[in-house]
Amino acid sequence: LTYDCFEKGEGPGVVLLPELPGITPEVLGLAEHL
């Protein structure tokens, strides 16, 4: 399988899996918090 992945930050790693319908602005808000 191949999917595009979005990465940002430094430090310990966290894989954040999106909710339906995908990587929404709200999911990105959580990601930016992390």
Full PDB file with SEQRES, HELIX, SHEET, SSBOND, CRYST1, ORIGX, SCALE, CONECT and MASTER records, all heavy atoms in Angstrom:
SEQRES   1 A   34  LEU THR TYR ASP CYS PHE GLU LYS GLY GLU GLY PRO GLY          
SEQRES   2 A   34  VAL VAL LEU LEU PRO GLU LEU PRO GLY ILE THR PRO GLU          
SEQRES   3 A   34  VAL LEU GLY LEU ALA GLU HIS LEU                              
HELIX    1 AA1 PRO A   25  HIS A   33  1                                   9    
CRYST1    1.000    1.000    1.000  90.00  90.00  90.00 P 1           1          
ORIGX1      1.000000  0.000000  0.000000        0.00000                         
ORIGX2      0.000000  1.000000  0.000000        0.00000                         
ORIGX3      0.000000  0.000000  1.000000        0.00000                         
SCALE1      1.000000  0.000000  0.000000        0.00000                         
SCALE2      0.000000  1.000000  0.000000        0.00000                         
SCALE3      0.000000  0.000000  1.000000        0.00000                         
ATOM      1  N   LEU A   1       0.841  -1.198   0.000  1.00  0.00           N  
ATOM      2  CA  LEU A   1       0.000   0.000   0.000  1.00  0.00           C  
ATOM      3  C   LEU A   1       0.872   1.243   0.000  1.00  0.00           C  
ATOM      4  O   LEU A   1       1.978   1.240   0.548  1.00  0.00           O  
ATOM      5  CB  LEU A   1      -0.907   0.026   1.232  1.00  0.00           C  
ATOM      6  CG  LEU A   1      -1.877  -1.144   1.406  1.00  0.00           C  
ATOM      7  CD1 LEU A   1      -2.604  -1.027   2.741  1.00  0.00           C  
ATOM      8  CD2 LEU A   1      -2.867  -1.192   0.256  1.00  0.00           C  
ATOM      9  N   THR A   2       0.384   2.318  -0.589  1.00  0.00           N  
ATOM     10  CA  THR A   2       1.074   3.605  -0.575  1.00  0.00           C  
ATOM     11  C   THR A   2       0.065   4.698  -0.264  1.00  0.00           C  
ATOM     12  O   THR A   2      -0.992   4.783  -0.900  1.00  0.00           O  
ATOM     13  CB  THR A   2       1.740   3.905  -1.928  1.00  0.00           C  
ATOM     14  OG1 THR A   2       2.713   2.894  -2.210  1.00  0.00           O  
ATOM     15  CG2 THR A   2       2.433   5.271  -1.891  1.00  0.00           C  
ATOM     16  N   TYR A   3       0.383   5.520   0.738  1.00  0.00           N  
ATOM     17  CA  TYR A   3      -0.432   6.686   1.079  1.00  0.00           C  
ATOM     18  C   TYR A   3       0.490   7.878   1.284  1.00  0.00           C  
ATOM     19  O   TYR A   3       1.639   7.720   1.735  1.00  0.00           O  
ATOM     20  CB  TYR A   3      -1.226   6.455   2.369  1.00  0.00           C  
ATOM     21  CG  TYR A   3      -2.272   5.374   2.281  1.00  0.00           C  
ATOM     22  CD1 TYR A   3      -2.029   4.109   2.815  1.00  0.00           C  
ATOM     23  CD2 TYR A   3      -3.497   5.615   1.676  1.00  0.00           C  
ATOM     24  CE1 TYR A   3      -2.983   3.114   2.737  1.00  0.00           C  
ATOM     25  CE2 TYR A   3      -4.457   4.619   1.609  1.00  0.00           C  
ATOM     26  CZ  TYR A   3      -4.200   3.371   2.145  1.00  0.00           C  
ATOM     27  OH  TYR A   3      -5.148   2.381   2.069  1.00  0.00           O  
ATOM     28  N   ASP A   4      -0.011   9.067   0.974  1.00  0.00           N  
ATOM     29  CA  ASP A   4       0.728  10.276   1.323  1.00  0.00           C  
ATOM     30  C   ASP A   4       0.663  10.476   2.830  1.00  0.00           C  
ATOM     31  O   ASP A   4      -0.390  10.284   3.451  1.00  0.00           O  
ATOM     32  CB  ASP A   4       0.129  11.496   0.627  1.00  0.00           C  
ATOM     33  CG  ASP A   4       0.547  11.600  -0.834  1.00  0.00           C  
ATOM     34  OD1 ASP A   4       1.466  10.864  -1.243  1.00  0.00           O  
ATOM     35  OD2 ASP A   4      -0.035  12.424  -1.558  1.00  0.00           O  
ATOM     36  N   CYS A   5       1.806  10.862   3.404  1.00  0.00           N  
ATOM     37  CA  CYS A   5       1.869  11.133   4.838  1.00  0.00           C  
ATOM     38  C   CYS A   5       2.329  12.566   5.051  1.00  0.00           C  
ATOM     39  O   CYS A   5       3.179  13.077   4.311  1.00  0.00           O  
ATOM     40  CB  CYS A   5       2.829  10.170   5.530  1.00  0.00           C  
ATOM     41  SG  CYS A   5       2.239   8.455   5.558  1.00  0.00           S  
ATOM     42  N   PHE A   6       1.779  13.202   6.070  1.00  0.00           N  
ATOM     43  CA  PHE A   6       2.118  14.579   6.412  1.00  0.00           C  
ATOM     44  C   PHE A   6       2.860  14.562   7.743  1.00  0.00           C  
ATOM     45  O   PHE A   6       2.403  13.955   8.702  1.00  0.00           O  
ATOM     46  CB  PHE A   6       0.840  15.423   6.514  1.00  0.00           C  
ATOM     47  CG  PHE A   6       0.123  15.569   5.201  1.00  0.00           C  
ATOM     48  CD1 PHE A   6      -0.727  14.568   4.740  1.00  0.00           C  
ATOM     49  CD2 PHE A   6       0.316  16.689   4.406  1.00  0.00           C  
ATOM     50  CE1 PHE A   6      -1.384  14.691   3.525  1.00  0.00           C  
ATOM     51  CE2 PHE A   6      -0.329  16.822   3.184  1.00  0.00           C  
ATOM     52  CZ  PHE A   6      -1.180  15.820   2.746  1.00  0.00           C  
ATOM     53  N   GLU A   7       4.012  15.254   7.780  1.00  0.00           N  
ATOM     54  CA  GLU A   7       4.857  15.197   8.971  1.00  0.00           C  
ATOM     55  C   GLU A   7       5.286  16.595   9.396  1.00  0.00           C  
ATOM     56  O   GLU A   7       5.553  17.468   8.571  1.00  0.00           O  
ATOM     57  CB  GLU A   7       6.099  14.342   8.701  1.00  0.00           C  
ATOM     58  CG  GLU A   7       7.019  14.205   9.910  1.00  0.00           C  
ATOM     59  CD  GLU A   7       8.108  13.174   9.716  1.00  0.00           C  
ATOM     60  OE1 GLU A   7       7.930  12.247   8.888  1.00  0.00           O  
ATOM     61  OE2 GLU A   7       9.148  13.292  10.387  1.00  0.00           O  
ATOM     62  N   LYS A   8       5.377  16.764  10.716  1.00  0.00           N  
ATOM     63  CA  LYS A   8       5.806  18.045  11.271  1.00  0.00           C  
ATOM     64  C   LYS A   8       6.247  17.823  12.716  1.00  0.00           C  
ATOM     65  O   LYS A   8       5.728  16.943  13.400  1.00  0.00           O  
ATOM     66  CB  LYS A   8       4.645  19.050  11.225  1.00  0.00           C  
ATOM     67  CG  LYS A   8       5.013  20.493  11.531  1.00  0.00           C  
ATOM     68  CD  LYS A   8       3.785  21.389  11.336  1.00  0.00           C  
ATOM     69  CE  LYS A   8       4.115  22.845  11.489  1.00  0.00           C  
ATOM     70  NZ  LYS A   8       2.909  23.710  11.281  1.00  0.00           N  
ATOM     71  N   GLY A   9       7.207  18.626  13.174  1.00  0.00           N  
ATOM     72  CA  GLY A   9       7.599  18.608  14.578  1.00  0.00           C  
ATOM     73  C   GLY A   9       8.909  17.917  14.846  1.00  0.00           C  
ATOM     74  O   GLY A   9       9.539  17.337  13.956  1.00  0.00           O  
ATOM     75  N   GLU A  10       9.307  17.993  16.112  1.00  0.00           N  
ATOM     76  CA  GLU A  10      10.520  17.343  16.591  1.00  0.00           C  
ATOM     77  C   GLU A  10      10.222  16.728  17.947  1.00  0.00           C  
ATOM     78  O   GLU A  10       9.471  17.282  18.738  1.00  0.00           O  
ATOM     79  CB  GLU A  10      11.664  18.359  16.724  1.00  0.00           C  
ATOM     80  CG  GLU A  10      12.099  18.972  15.405  1.00  0.00           C  
ATOM     81  CD  GLU A  10      13.236  19.966  15.593  1.00  0.00           C  
ATOM     82  OE1 GLU A  10      13.652  20.165  16.749  1.00  0.00           O  
ATOM     83  OE2 GLU A  10      13.697  20.533  14.599  1.00  0.00           O  
ATOM     84  N   GLY A  11      10.829  15.583  18.214  1.00  0.00           N  
ATOM     85  CA  GLY A  11      10.622  14.923  19.491  1.00  0.00           C  
ATOM     86  C   GLY A  11      10.081  13.523  19.289  1.00  0.00           C  
ATOM     87  O   GLY A  11      10.095  12.981  18.170  1.00  0.00           O  
ATOM     88  N   PRO A  12       9.569  12.894  20.351  1.00  0.00           N  
ATOM     89  CA  PRO A  12       8.998  11.548  20.236  1.00  0.00           C  
ATOM     90  C   PRO A  12       7.901  11.505  19.181  1.00  0.00           C  
ATOM     91  O   PRO A  12       7.209  12.490  18.936  1.00  0.00           O  
ATOM     92  CB  PRO A  12       8.433  11.283  21.638  1.00  0.00           C  
ATOM     93  CG  PRO A  12       9.224  12.177  22.535  1.00  0.00           C  
ATOM     94  CD  PRO A  12       9.527  13.406  21.731  1.00  0.00           C  
ATOM     95  N   GLY A  13       7.730  10.350  18.566  1.00  0.00           N  
ATOM     96  CA  GLY A  13       6.815  10.232  17.436  1.00  0.00           C  
ATOM     97  C   GLY A  13       5.390   9.880  17.817  1.00  0.00           C  
ATOM     98  O   GLY A  13       5.152   9.100  18.747  1.00  0.00           O  
ATOM     99  N   VAL A  14       4.457  10.449  17.080  1.00  0.00           N  
ATOM    100  CA  VAL A  14       3.034  10.119  17.208  1.00  0.00           C  
ATOM    101  C   VAL A  14       2.457   9.948  15.808  1.00  0.00           C  
ATOM    102  O   VAL A  14       2.591  10.837  14.962  1.00  0.00           O  
ATOM    103  CB  VAL A  14       2.244  11.222  17.954  1.00  0.00           C  
ATOM    104  CG1 VAL A  14       0.745  10.902  17.933  1.00  0.00           C  
ATOM    105  CG2 VAL A  14       2.734  11.373  19.382  1.00  0.00           C  
ATOM    106  N   VAL A  15       1.825   8.811  15.562  1.00  0.00           N  
ATOM    107  CA  VAL A  15       1.075   8.599  14.324  1.00  0.00           C  
ATOM    108  C   VAL A  15      -0.374   8.972  14.625  1.00  0.00           C  
ATOM    109  O   VAL A  15      -1.011   8.358  15.490  1.00  0.00           O  
ATOM    110  CB  VAL A  15       1.165   7.142  13.838  1.00  0.00           C  
ATOM    111  CG1 VAL A  15       0.323   6.945  12.583  1.00  0.00           C  
ATOM    112  CG2 VAL A  15       2.616   6.753  13.574  1.00  0.00           C  
ATOM    113  N   LEU A  16      -0.882   9.986  13.947  1.00  0.00           N  
ATOM    114  CA  LEU A  16      -2.251  10.459  14.156  1.00  0.00           C  
ATOM    115  C   LEU A  16      -3.109  10.016  12.975  1.00  0.00           C  
ATOM    116  O   LEU A  16      -2.871  10.433  11.843  1.00  0.00           O  
ATOM    117  CB  LEU A  16      -2.279  11.982  14.306  1.00  0.00           C  
ATOM    118  CG  LEU A  16      -3.652  12.627  14.481  1.00  0.00           C  
ATOM    119  CD1 LEU A  16      -4.351  12.099  15.734  1.00  0.00           C  
ATOM    120  CD2 LEU A  16      -3.511  14.146  14.538  1.00  0.00           C  
ATOM    121  N   LEU A  17      -4.097   9.173  13.246  1.00  0.00           N  
ATOM    122  CA  LEU A  17      -4.961   8.637  12.201  1.00  0.00           C  
ATOM    123  C   LEU A  17      -6.224   9.485  12.106  1.00  0.00           C  
ATOM    124  O   LEU A  17      -6.881   9.739  13.108  1.00  0.00           O  
ATOM    125  CB  LEU A  17      -5.334   7.183  12.521  1.00  0.00           C  
ATOM    126  CG  LEU A  17      -4.157   6.256  12.823  1.00  0.00           C  
ATOM    127  CD1 LEU A  17      -4.657   4.859  13.166  1.00  0.00           C  
ATOM    128  CD2 LEU A  17      -3.193   6.219  11.650  1.00  0.00           C  
ATOM    129  N   PRO A  18      -6.576   9.919  10.904  1.00  0.00           N  
ATOM    130  CA  PRO A  18      -7.704  10.836  10.770  1.00  0.00           C  
ATOM    131  C   PRO A  18      -9.045  10.155  10.959  1.00  0.00           C  
ATOM    132  O   PRO A  18      -9.182   8.944  10.809  1.00  0.00           O  
ATOM    133  CB  PRO A  18      -7.566  11.350   9.328  1.00  0.00           C  
ATOM    134  CG  PRO A  18      -6.899  10.219   8.611  1.00  0.00           C  
ATOM    135  CD  PRO A  18      -5.945   9.616   9.610  1.00  0.00           C  
ATOM    136  N   GLU A  19     -10.036  10.949  11.277  1.00  0.00           N  
ATOM    137  CA  GLU A  19     -11.429  10.523  11.314  1.00  0.00           C  
ATOM    138  C   GLU A  19     -12.032  10.748   9.926  1.00  0.00           C  
ATOM    139  O   GLU A  19     -11.469  11.467   9.099  1.00  0.00           O  
ATOM    140  CB  GLU A  19     -12.157  11.341  12.393  1.00  0.00           C  
ATOM    141  CG  GLU A  19     -13.662  11.354  12.363  1.00  0.00           C  
ATOM    142  CD  GLU A  19     -14.322   9.986  12.474  1.00  0.00           C  
ATOM    143  OE1 GLU A  19     -13.873   9.042  11.817  1.00  0.00           O  
ATOM    144  OE2 GLU A  19     -15.326   9.891  13.182  1.00  0.00           O  
ATOM    145  N   LEU A  20     -13.165  10.134   9.668  1.00  0.00           N  
ATOM    146  CA  LEU A  20     -13.897  10.441   8.439  1.00  0.00           C  
ATOM    147  C   LEU A  20     -14.310  11.908   8.442  1.00  0.00           C  
ATOM    148  O   LEU A  20     -14.718  12.421   9.490  1.00  0.00           O  
ATOM    149  CB  LEU A  20     -15.151   9.565   8.343  1.00  0.00           C  
ATOM    150  CG  LEU A  20     -14.946   8.062   8.127  1.00  0.00           C  
ATOM    151  CD1 LEU A  20     -16.285   7.354   8.186  1.00  0.00           C  
ATOM    152  CD2 LEU A  20     -14.258   7.777   6.809  1.00  0.00           C  
ATOM    153  N   PRO A  21     -14.175  12.638   7.351  1.00  0.00           N  
ATOM    154  CA  PRO A  21     -13.858  12.155   6.001  1.00  0.00           C  
ATOM    155  C   PRO A  21     -12.381  12.258   5.631  1.00  0.00           C  
ATOM    156  O   PRO A  21     -12.044  12.165   4.458  1.00  0.00           O  
ATOM    157  CB  PRO A  21     -14.691  13.089   5.135  1.00  0.00           C  
ATOM    158  CG  PRO A  21     -14.660  14.391   5.859  1.00  0.00           C  
ATOM    159  CD  PRO A  21     -14.685  14.018   7.311  1.00  0.00           C  
ATOM    160  N   GLY A  22     -11.468  12.475   6.608  1.00  0.00           N  
ATOM    161  CA  GLY A  22     -10.055  12.567   6.289  1.00  0.00           C  
ATOM    162  C   GLY A  22      -9.337  13.556   7.192  1.00  0.00           C  
ATOM    163  O   GLY A  22      -9.770  13.832   8.305  1.00  0.00           O  
ATOM    164  N   ILE A  23      -8.221  14.088   6.696  1.00  0.00           N  
ATOM    165  CA  ILE A  23      -7.426  15.057   7.462  1.00  0.00           C  
ATOM    166  C   ILE A  23      -8.116  16.420   7.336  1.00  0.00           C  
ATOM    167  O   ILE A  23      -7.813  17.215   6.448  1.00  0.00           O  
ATOM    168  CB  ILE A  23      -5.970  15.094   6.963  1.00  0.00           C  
ATOM    169  CG1 ILE A  23      -5.321  13.711   7.106  1.00  0.00           C  
ATOM    170  CG2 ILE A  23      -5.166  16.135   7.744  1.00  0.00           C  
ATOM    171  CD1 ILE A  23      -3.917  13.627   6.547  1.00  0.00           C  
ATOM    172  N   THR A  24      -9.065  16.659   8.212  1.00  0.00           N  
ATOM    173  CA  THR A  24      -9.856  17.890   8.208  1.00  0.00           C  
ATOM    174  C   THR A  24      -9.136  18.993   8.976  1.00  0.00           C  
ATOM    175  O   THR A  24      -8.144  18.728   9.671  1.00  0.00           O  
ATOM    176  CB  THR A  24     -11.219  17.642   8.854  1.00  0.00           C  
ATOM    177  OG1 THR A  24     -11.002  17.275  10.238  1.00  0.00           O  
ATOM    178  CG2 THR A  24     -11.977  16.529   8.141  1.00  0.00           C  
ATOM    179  N   PRO A  25      -9.612  20.237   8.895  1.00  0.00           N  
ATOM    180  CA  PRO A  25      -9.014  21.303   9.712  1.00  0.00           C  
ATOM    181  C   PRO A  25      -9.029  20.992  11.205  1.00  0.00           C  
ATOM    182  O   PRO A  25      -8.107  21.391  11.932  1.00  0.00           O  
ATOM    183  CB  PRO A  25      -9.898  22.513   9.379  1.00  0.00           C  
ATOM    184  CG  PRO A  25     -10.346  22.258   7.965  1.00  0.00           C  
ATOM    185  CD  PRO A  25     -10.583  20.770   7.908  1.00  0.00           C  
ATOM    186  N   GLU A  26     -10.039  20.251  11.683  1.00  0.00           N  
ATOM    187  CA  GLU A  26     -10.086  19.889  13.107  1.00  0.00           C  
ATOM    188  C   GLU A  26      -9.016  18.861  13.459  1.00  0.00           C  
ATOM    189  O   GLU A  26      -8.386  18.940  14.523  1.00  0.00           O  
ATOM    190  CB  GLU A  26     -11.482  19.357  13.463  1.00  0.00           C  
ATOM    191  CG  GLU A  26     -12.577  20.394  13.446  1.00  0.00           C  
ATOM    192  CD  GLU A  26     -13.071  20.757  12.046  1.00  0.00           C  
ATOM    193  OE1 GLU A  26     -12.743  20.024  11.075  1.00  0.00           O  
ATOM    194  OE2 GLU A  26     -13.775  21.767  11.922  1.00  0.00           O  
ATOM    195  N   VAL A  27      -8.810  17.877  12.592  1.00  0.00           N  
ATOM    196  CA  VAL A  27      -7.729  16.912  12.812  1.00  0.00           C  
ATOM    197  C   VAL A  27      -6.387  17.634  12.797  1.00  0.00           C  
ATOM    198  O   VAL A  27      -5.498  17.365  13.623  1.00  0.00           O  
ATOM    199  CB  VAL A  27      -7.767  15.796  11.744  1.00  0.00           C  
ATOM    200  CG1 VAL A  27      -6.532  14.905  11.847  1.00  0.00           C  
ATOM    201  CG2 VAL A  27      -9.034  14.958  11.897  1.00  0.00           C  
ATOM    202  N   LEU A  28      -6.236  18.584  11.890  1.00  0.00           N  
ATOM    203  CA  LEU A  28      -5.001  19.372  11.832  1.00  0.00           C  
ATOM    204  C   LEU A  28      -4.829  20.219  13.089  1.00  0.00           C  
ATOM    205  O   LEU A  28      -3.700  20.444  13.549  1.00  0.00           O  
ATOM    206  CB  LEU A  28      -5.007  20.261  10.590  1.00  0.00           C  
ATOM    207  CG  LEU A  28      -4.742  19.518   9.275  1.00  0.00           C  
ATOM    208  CD1 LEU A  28      -5.186  20.357   8.091  1.00  0.00           C  
ATOM    209  CD2 LEU A  28      -3.266  19.157   9.161  1.00  0.00           C  
ATOM    210  N   GLY A  29      -5.926  20.694  13.673  1.00  0.00           N  
ATOM    211  CA  GLY A  29      -5.833  21.430  14.921  1.00  0.00           C  
ATOM    212  C   GLY A  29      -5.256  20.576  16.038  1.00  0.00           C  
ATOM    213  O   GLY A  29      -4.404  21.026  16.816  1.00  0.00           O  
ATOM    214  N   LEU A  30      -5.704  19.322  16.148  1.00  0.00           N  
ATOM    215  CA  LEU A  30      -5.148  18.388  17.128  1.00  0.00           C  
ATOM    216  C   LEU A  30      -3.683  18.106  16.825  1.00  0.00           C  
ATOM    217  O   LEU A  30      -2.832  18.075  17.726  1.00  0.00           O  
ATOM    218  CB  LEU A  30      -5.950  17.089  17.138  1.00  0.00           C  
ATOM    219  CG  LEU A  30      -5.387  15.946  17.989  1.00  0.00           C  
ATOM    220  CD1 LEU A  30      -5.235  16.359  19.450  1.00  0.00           C  
ATOM    221  CD2 LEU A  30      -6.266  14.705  17.862  1.00  0.00           C  
ATOM    222  N   ALA A  31      -3.382  17.913  15.542  1.00  0.00           N  
ATOM    223  CA  ALA A  31      -1.997  17.632  15.151  1.00  0.00           C  
ATOM    224  C   ALA A  31      -1.073  18.786  15.527  1.00  0.00           C  
ATOM    225  O   ALA A  31       0.035  18.568  16.051  1.00  0.00           O  
ATOM    226  CB  ALA A  31      -1.931  17.371  13.645  1.00  0.00           C  
ATOM    227  N   GLU A  32      -1.505  20.014  15.285  1.00  0.00           N  
ATOM    228  CA  GLU A  32      -0.689  21.182  15.641  1.00  0.00           C  
ATOM    229  C   GLU A  32      -0.501  21.282  17.155  1.00  0.00           C  
ATOM    230  O   GLU A  32       0.562  21.685  17.634  1.00  0.00           O  
ATOM    231  CB  GLU A  32      -1.333  22.457  15.105  1.00  0.00           C  
ATOM    232  CG  GLU A  32      -1.245  22.622  13.596  1.00  0.00           C  
ATOM    233  CD  GLU A  32       0.155  22.984  13.097  1.00  0.00           C  
ATOM    234  OE1 GLU A  32       1.091  23.122  13.919  1.00  0.00           O  
ATOM    235  OE2 GLU A  32       0.309  23.138  11.867  1.00  0.00           O  
ATOM    236  N   HIS A  33      -1.523  20.906  17.911  1.00  0.00           N  
ATOM    237  CA  HIS A  33      -1.389  20.893  19.374  1.00  0.00           C  
ATOM    238  C   HIS A  33      -0.290  19.918  19.804  1.00  0.00           C  
ATOM    239  O   HIS A  33       0.551  20.242  20.657  1.00  0.00           O  
ATOM    240  CB  HIS A  33      -2.715  20.518  20.025  1.00  0.00           C  
ATOM    241  CG  HIS A  33      -2.621  20.295  21.498  1.00  0.00           C  
ATOM    242  ND1 HIS A  33      -2.486  21.345  22.393  1.00  0.00           N  
ATOM    243  CD2 HIS A  33      -2.603  19.158  22.229  1.00  0.00           C  
ATOM    244  CE1 HIS A  33      -2.400  20.849  23.626  1.00  0.00           C  
ATOM    245  NE2 HIS A  33      -2.469  19.531  23.550  1.00  0.00           N  
ATOM    246  N   LEU A  34      -0.285  18.723  19.206  1.00  0.00           N  
ATOM    247  CA  LEU A  34       0.735  17.726  19.548  1.00  0.00           C  
ATOM    248  C   LEU A  34       2.125  18.205  19.149  1.00  0.00           C  
ATOM    249  O   LEU A  34       3.096  18.012  19.896  1.00  0.00           O  
ATOM    250  CB  LEU A  34       0.412  16.398  18.863  1.00  0.00           C  
ATOM    251  CG  LEU A  34      -0.847  15.683  19.361  1.00  0.00           C  
ATOM    252  CD1 LEU A  34      -1.211  14.527  18.435  1.00  0.00           C  
ATOM    253  CD2 LEU A  34      -0.639  15.182  20.784  1.00  0.00           C  
TER     254      LEU A  34                                                      
MASTER        0    0    0    1    0    0    0    6  253    1    0    3          
END                                                                             
